[in-house]
């Protein structure tokens, strides 16, 4: 038998078929600024700079982490793409930026066209919801590096903000308030600990009292996008800083935007921690300090505002149907 790339585990024809299959997903996110079709060596995007006096590009790259293990185990692949886009969008939105375009990277042990299409459909859904274009990406087949039924994904977002409207926390002062906005679960962080604890006792398809869903359904809830909320808040009131609560928890992420000499005073009893986090903590006998360091505990976004902005901020949150908590202040 002659050795070929296919006999070594890489199917070029399958890759070409995927490109053709996903074009419609990507094209559904295109706008007038996208100048190229999918499949060229590079993606072309011409930003509309009208209305910007000093435009600054803002970028971020991330992955979904071991949440993918839940997708593999349940054969559910249409949500993790949304997770990735929303996570990346939040990361630049908290800086004041509007997302322009998104690019993805998928690496498979063995390329499965249906799985790849589901993931990329998820990208397209979230890109349309966030008003950004899915303009390109890379799909790789790496036998021997990944298990045949597993894959990894990462994504890069690029956005834009006027230099004078960058939100970086520099104006935060003592006495400013911390307004927290509800997450819908773990989002994309803490899954290694959650899996270690929960899988020793529960099955993924098990419906657990208090969750109102199976364990897998709760763990696969899509990472929430806060773009609309962030845009509305920054347009209508003075927000001194935003923090996207990911790995490192509330303190770890919010401290990143505090000027030197300031610290957070969190009132941890000011909101009810969602059931999934209580289940993880109880099942694994995890300390409060460790939970606070690993998980968002029900708060996915924090806005730092002056005391005189509180009523206006709460009114905006109510109008948008966003659940919020006054979780502390800056000292």
Protein backbone atom coordinates (compact mmCIF):
# COMPACT_ATOMS: atom_id res chain seq x y z
CA UNK A 1 0.00 0.00 0.00
CA UNK A 2 1.34 3.42 -0.96
CA UNK A 3 1.60 6.02 1.75
CA UNK A 4 -0.61 9.07 1.23
CA UNK A 5 -1.63 12.05 3.29
CA UNK A 6 -5.06 10.46 3.67
CA UNK A 7 -3.59 7.16 4.92
CA UNK A 8 -1.69 9.23 7.50
CA UNK A 9 -4.97 10.62 8.74
CA UNK A 10 -5.38 13.91 6.86
CA UNK A 11 -8.20 14.17 4.33
CA UNK A 12 -7.65 17.20 2.09
CA UNK A 13 -10.87 16.59 0.17
CA UNK A 14 -12.88 16.64 3.39
CA UNK A 15 -11.28 19.98 4.27
CA UNK A 16 -12.18 21.43 0.90
CA UNK A 17 -15.75 20.18 1.32
CA UNK A 18 -16.00 21.93 4.69
CA UNK A 19 -14.93 25.25 3.16
CA UNK A 20 -17.71 25.00 0.59
CA UNK A 21 -20.24 23.97 3.21
CA UNK A 22 -19.56 26.81 5.62
CA UNK A 23 -19.46 29.66 3.11
CA UNK A 24 -23.14 30.45 3.57
CA UNK A 25 -22.73 30.66 7.35
CA UNK A 26 -19.90 33.14 6.99
CA UNK A 27 -21.58 35.15 4.24
CA UNK A 28 -24.66 35.58 6.42
CA UNK A 29 -22.51 37.75 8.71
CA UNK A 30 -20.94 39.89 5.96
CA UNK A 31 -21.54 43.62 5.64
CA UNK A 32 -20.39 46.29 3.19
CA UNK A 33 -16.98 46.43 4.87
CA UNK A 34 -16.05 42.84 3.97
CA UNK A 35 -14.18 42.86 0.64
CA UNK A 36 -13.22 39.21 0.22
CA UNK A 37 -14.92 35.84 -0.03
CA UNK A 38 -14.07 32.87 2.16
CA UNK A 39 -11.17 30.80 0.82
CA UNK A 40 -8.54 33.38 -0.10
CA UNK A 41 -5.17 33.45 1.66
CA UNK A 42 -6.16 36.54 3.61
CA UNK A 43 -9.40 38.21 4.65
CA UNK A 44 -10.03 41.80 3.60
CA UNK A 45 -11.98 44.24 5.75
CA UNK A 46 -12.27 47.98 5.10
CA UNK A 47 -13.48 49.70 8.29
CA UNK A 48 -15.75 52.72 8.16
CA UNK A 49 -13.76 55.34 10.07
CA UNK A 50 -16.29 58.12 9.70
CA UNK A 51 -17.24 59.43 13.11
CA UNK A 52 -13.87 58.54 14.63
CA UNK A 53 -11.36 61.30 15.33
CA UNK A 54 -8.59 58.98 16.59
CA UNK A 55 -9.62 55.40 15.78
CA UNK A 56 -7.87 52.66 17.75
CA UNK A 57 -8.10 48.96 16.93
CA UNK A 58 -8.71 46.65 19.88
CA UNK A 59 -8.16 42.90 19.64
CA UNK A 60 -8.48 39.82 21.82
CA UNK A 61 -7.94 36.09 21.39
CA UNK A 62 -9.38 33.26 23.46
CA UNK A 63 -10.63 29.69 23.56
CA UNK A 64 -13.44 27.76 25.21
CA UNK A 65 -11.26 25.54 27.40
CA UNK A 66 -12.43 22.27 28.87
CA UNK A 67 -16.08 23.17 28.40
CA UNK A 68 -15.42 21.37 25.12
CA UNK A 69 -15.33 18.10 27.07
CA UNK A 70 -19.05 18.53 27.77
CA UNK A 71 -19.68 19.12 24.06
CA UNK A 72 -17.77 15.95 23.16
CA UNK A 73 -19.56 13.83 25.74
CA UNK A 74 -23.04 15.00 24.69
CA UNK A 75 -22.35 15.36 20.95
CA UNK A 76 -23.55 18.98 21.21
CA UNK A 77 -21.49 21.31 19.03
CA UNK A 78 -23.79 24.20 18.10
CA UNK A 79 -23.23 26.21 21.29
CA UNK A 80 -19.45 26.32 21.80
CA UNK A 81 -19.00 28.56 18.75
CA UNK A 82 -21.40 31.06 20.29
CA UNK A 83 -19.49 30.78 23.57
CA UNK A 84 -16.26 31.73 21.87
CA UNK A 85 -17.58 34.72 19.94
CA UNK A 86 -19.44 36.16 22.92
CA UNK A 87 -16.44 35.74 25.21
CA UNK A 88 -14.18 37.57 22.76
CA UNK A 89 -16.76 40.31 22.12
CA UNK A 90 -17.13 40.95 25.86
CA UNK A 91 -13.36 41.23 26.27
CA UNK A 92 -13.10 44.16 23.86
CA UNK A 93 -16.50 45.68 24.65
CA UNK A 94 -15.44 46.34 28.26
CA UNK A 95 -12.65 48.54 26.80
CA UNK A 96 -15.28 50.62 24.98
CA UNK A 97 -14.76 48.98 21.59
CA UNK A 98 -17.31 47.91 18.99
CA UNK A 99 -16.57 44.54 17.33
CA UNK A 100 -15.70 44.63 13.63
CA UNK A 101 -14.75 41.09 12.64
CA UNK A 102 -14.00 37.64 14.03
CA UNK A 103 -11.69 34.87 12.85
CA UNK A 104 -11.61 31.28 14.08
CA UNK A 105 -9.22 28.37 14.37
CA UNK A 106 -10.44 24.76 14.57
CA UNK A 107 -8.14 21.77 15.09
CA UNK A 108 -9.51 18.21 14.83
CA UNK A 109 -8.07 14.77 15.44
CA UNK A 110 -10.23 13.61 12.56
CA UNK A 111 -12.26 16.14 10.62
CA UNK A 112 -15.99 15.56 10.98
CA UNK A 113 -17.88 17.74 8.48
CA UNK A 114 -21.12 17.77 10.48
CA UNK A 115 -19.38 18.75 13.72
CA UNK A 116 -17.36 21.46 11.98
CA UNK A 117 -20.49 22.86 10.35
CA UNK A 118 -22.31 22.97 13.71
CA UNK A 119 -19.44 24.84 15.36
CA UNK A 120 -19.19 27.37 12.55
CA UNK A 121 -22.93 27.85 12.47
CA UNK A 122 -22.58 28.82 16.14
CA UNK A 123 -19.92 31.36 15.17
CA UNK A 124 -22.26 32.86 12.58
CA UNK A 125 -25.22 33.07 14.97
CA UNK A 126 -23.22 34.97 17.59
CA UNK A 127 -21.47 37.17 15.02
CA UNK A 128 -24.84 38.30 13.65
CA UNK A 129 -26.16 38.93 17.17
CA UNK A 130 -23.10 41.05 17.97
CA UNK A 131 -22.98 42.87 14.64
CA UNK A 132 -19.56 41.61 13.57
CA UNK A 133 -18.45 39.72 10.46
CA UNK A 134 -17.03 36.19 10.38
CA UNK A 135 -14.45 36.86 7.68
CA UNK A 136 -12.11 33.88 7.82
CA UNK A 137 -10.48 31.10 9.74
CA UNK A 138 -8.46 27.91 9.64
CA UNK A 139 -9.53 24.29 9.97
CA UNK A 140 -6.75 21.80 10.67
CA UNK A 141 -6.70 18.02 10.93
CA UNK A 142 -4.02 16.72 13.32
CA UNK A 143 -4.10 12.95 13.79
CA UNK A 144 -2.00 11.84 16.72
CA UNK A 145 -2.22 15.22 18.44
CA UNK A 146 -5.96 15.12 19.22
CA UNK A 147 -8.28 12.19 19.81
CA UNK A 148 -10.31 11.33 16.71
CA UNK A 149 -13.56 12.55 18.26
CA UNK A 150 -12.11 15.67 19.85
CA UNK A 151 -11.14 19.14 18.70
CA UNK A 152 -9.99 22.50 19.98
CA UNK A 153 -11.18 25.95 18.95
CA UNK A 154 -9.91 29.48 19.38
CA UNK A 155 -10.92 32.84 18.00
CA UNK A 156 -9.68 36.36 17.46
CA UNK A 157 -11.87 39.44 17.57
CA UNK A 158 -10.95 42.87 16.25
CA UNK A 159 -12.90 46.00 17.19
CA UNK A 160 -12.58 49.75 17.15
CA UNK A 161 -12.88 52.63 19.62
CA UNK A 162 -12.06 56.32 19.54
CA UNK A 163 -8.95 56.97 21.62
CA UNK A 164 -10.81 59.51 23.73
CA UNK A 165 -13.55 56.97 24.53
CA UNK A 166 -11.37 54.11 25.70
CA UNK A 167 -12.67 52.74 29.03
CA UNK A 168 -9.70 51.69 31.15
CA UNK A 169 -10.53 52.49 34.78
CA UNK A 170 -8.09 55.39 35.13
CA UNK A 171 -10.77 57.71 36.54
CA UNK A 172 -11.95 55.27 39.24
CA UNK A 173 -11.79 56.78 42.72
CA UNK A 174 -12.54 55.82 46.31
CA UNK A 175 -16.28 55.52 46.92
CA UNK A 176 -17.24 54.42 43.39
CA UNK A 177 -19.85 51.68 43.22
CA UNK A 178 -19.59 48.17 41.80
CA UNK A 179 -22.70 47.22 39.86
CA UNK A 180 -22.78 43.53 38.95
CA UNK A 181 -24.82 42.01 36.13
CA UNK A 182 -26.03 38.43 36.18
CA UNK A 183 -24.29 35.61 34.35
CA UNK A 184 -26.27 32.60 33.14
CA UNK A 185 -23.87 30.03 34.55
CA UNK A 186 -20.19 29.15 34.32
CA UNK A 187 -19.84 30.89 30.92
CA UNK A 188 -16.45 29.46 29.81
CA UNK A 189 -14.43 29.29 33.02
CA UNK A 190 -13.88 26.82 35.84
CA UNK A 191 -14.84 23.69 33.91
CA UNK A 192 -11.77 21.65 34.89
CA UNK A 193 -12.71 21.94 38.57
CA UNK A 194 -16.45 21.58 37.88
CA UNK A 195 -15.92 18.38 35.88
CA UNK A 196 -13.58 16.88 38.45
CA UNK A 197 -16.10 17.48 41.23
CA UNK A 198 -19.42 16.81 39.51
CA UNK A 199 -18.56 13.85 37.32
CA UNK A 200 -17.54 11.77 40.32
CA UNK A 201 -21.13 11.88 41.57
CA UNK A 202 -23.52 12.82 38.75
CA UNK A 203 -24.23 11.80 35.17
CA UNK A 204 -24.43 14.45 32.46
CA UNK A 205 -27.97 13.42 31.48
CA UNK A 206 -29.11 13.44 35.10
CA UNK A 207 -31.76 15.98 36.07
CA UNK A 208 -30.65 17.42 39.37
CA UNK A 209 -33.14 19.07 41.78
CA UNK A 210 -32.62 22.83 41.88
CA UNK A 211 -31.13 23.09 38.39
CA UNK A 212 -34.42 22.71 36.50
CA UNK A 213 -32.45 20.99 33.74
CA UNK A 214 -30.02 18.17 33.16
CA UNK A 215 -26.45 18.73 34.29
CA UNK A 216 -25.21 18.93 30.69
CA UNK A 217 -27.86 21.50 29.73
CA UNK A 218 -26.81 23.73 32.59
CA UNK A 219 -23.10 23.35 31.87
CA UNK A 220 -23.59 24.07 28.16
CA UNK A 221 -25.52 27.33 28.60
CA UNK A 222 -24.09 29.83 26.12
CA UNK A 223 -21.65 32.40 27.48
CA UNK A 224 -23.67 35.60 27.58
CA UNK A 225 -22.87 38.63 25.44
CA UNK A 226 -23.05 41.93 27.31
CA UNK A 227 -22.46 44.10 24.24
CA UNK A 228 -25.91 45.72 24.13
CA UNK A 229 -25.84 46.45 27.86
CA UNK A 230 -22.32 47.88 27.71
CA UNK A 231 -23.12 50.06 24.70
CA UNK A 232 -26.26 51.45 26.31
CA UNK A 233 -24.60 52.17 29.64
CA UNK A 234 -21.58 53.95 28.14
CA UNK A 235 -23.81 56.05 25.85
CA UNK A 236 -26.16 57.23 28.59
CA UNK A 237 -24.04 57.52 31.75
CA UNK A 238 -20.41 57.87 32.78
CA UNK A 239 -18.98 54.40 33.31
CA UNK A 240 -15.48 54.55 34.76
CA UNK A 241 -14.64 50.92 34.14
CA UNK A 242 -16.04 47.57 33.07
CA UNK A 243 -14.78 44.12 34.04
CA UNK A 244 -15.65 40.92 32.19
CA UNK A 245 -15.66 38.23 34.89
CA UNK A 246 -13.78 35.22 33.54
CA UNK A 247 -10.96 33.10 34.98
CA UNK A 248 -9.80 34.70 38.22
CA UNK A 249 -13.29 35.57 39.38
CA UNK A 250 -14.76 38.88 40.47
CA UNK A 251 -11.76 40.16 42.40
CA UNK A 252 -9.10 38.95 39.98
CA UNK A 253 -10.73 40.54 36.95
CA UNK A 254 -12.02 43.78 38.47
CA UNK A 255 -8.70 44.52 40.19
CA UNK A 256 -7.10 44.69 36.73
CA UNK A 257 -8.78 48.04 36.05
CA UNK A 258 -8.24 49.67 39.47
CA UNK A 259 -5.70 52.50 39.76
CA UNK A 260 -2.85 51.86 42.17
CA UNK A 261 -3.72 52.34 45.83
CA UNK A 262 -7.37 51.27 45.49
CA UNK A 263 -9.02 47.97 46.38
CA UNK A 264 -12.40 46.29 46.19
CA UNK A 265 -14.83 45.91 49.06
CA UNK A 266 -17.17 43.14 47.90
CA UNK A 267 -20.42 42.44 49.76
CA UNK A 268 -20.61 38.73 48.94
CA UNK A 269 -24.06 38.33 50.50
CA UNK A 270 -25.69 40.95 48.24
CA UNK A 271 -26.82 38.43 45.64
CA UNK A 272 -27.92 34.81 45.52
CA UNK A 273 -25.29 32.54 44.02
CA UNK A 274 -26.91 30.36 41.28
CA UNK A 275 -27.66 26.72 42.00
CA UNK A 276 -24.93 25.28 39.75
CA UNK A 277 -22.21 27.00 41.79
CA UNK A 278 -23.76 25.90 45.08
CA UNK A 279 -23.87 22.33 43.73
CA UNK A 280 -20.19 22.44 42.76
CA UNK A 281 -19.14 23.85 46.12
CA UNK A 282 -21.19 21.41 48.18
CA UNK A 283 -20.27 18.34 46.13
CA UNK A 284 -16.56 19.11 46.17
CA UNK A 285 -16.34 20.63 49.67
CA UNK A 286 -14.70 23.69 48.12
CA UNK A 287 -13.88 26.73 50.24
CA UNK A 288 -15.45 30.13 49.63
CA UNK A 289 -12.05 31.58 48.75
CA UNK A 290 -11.42 28.95 46.07
CA UNK A 291 -14.92 29.36 44.59
CA UNK A 292 -14.45 33.13 44.41
CA UNK A 293 -11.08 32.71 42.70
CA UNK A 294 -12.27 30.23 40.05
CA UNK A 295 -15.88 31.07 39.16
CA UNK A 296 -17.98 34.13 38.32
CA UNK A 297 -20.56 33.03 40.96
CA UNK A 298 -23.44 34.52 39.00
CA UNK A 299 -21.86 37.88 38.08
CA UNK A 300 -20.62 38.04 34.48
CA UNK A 301 -20.01 41.78 34.15
CA UNK A 302 -19.18 44.58 36.57
CA UNK A 303 -19.60 48.29 35.87
CA UNK A 304 -17.73 50.77 38.08
CA UNK A 305 -19.78 53.96 38.43
CA UNK A 306 -19.94 57.07 40.59
CA UNK A 307 -22.60 57.27 43.31
CA UNK A 308 -24.48 59.91 41.33
CA UNK A 309 -24.89 57.47 38.42
CA UNK A 310 -26.54 54.68 40.37
CA UNK A 311 -30.21 55.52 39.73
CA UNK A 312 -29.63 56.09 36.01
CA UNK A 313 -27.68 52.83 35.68
CA UNK A 314 -30.38 50.82 37.44
CA UNK A 315 -33.05 52.37 35.22
CA UNK A 316 -31.13 51.32 32.10
CA UNK A 317 -30.69 47.79 33.44
CA UNK A 318 -34.41 47.52 34.15
CA UNK A 319 -35.29 48.77 30.66
CA UNK A 320 -33.03 46.12 29.11
CA UNK A 321 -34.31 43.36 31.38
CA UNK A 322 -30.88 42.80 32.90
CA UNK A 323 -30.65 41.46 36.45
CA UNK A 324 -28.17 43.40 38.56
CA UNK A 325 -26.71 43.56 42.05
CA UNK A 326 -24.98 46.36 43.93
CA UNK A 327 -22.07 44.15 44.95
CA UNK A 328 -19.73 46.58 46.68
CA UNK A 329 -17.57 49.66 46.32
CA UNK A 330 -14.05 50.87 45.75
CA UNK A 331 -11.86 51.72 48.77
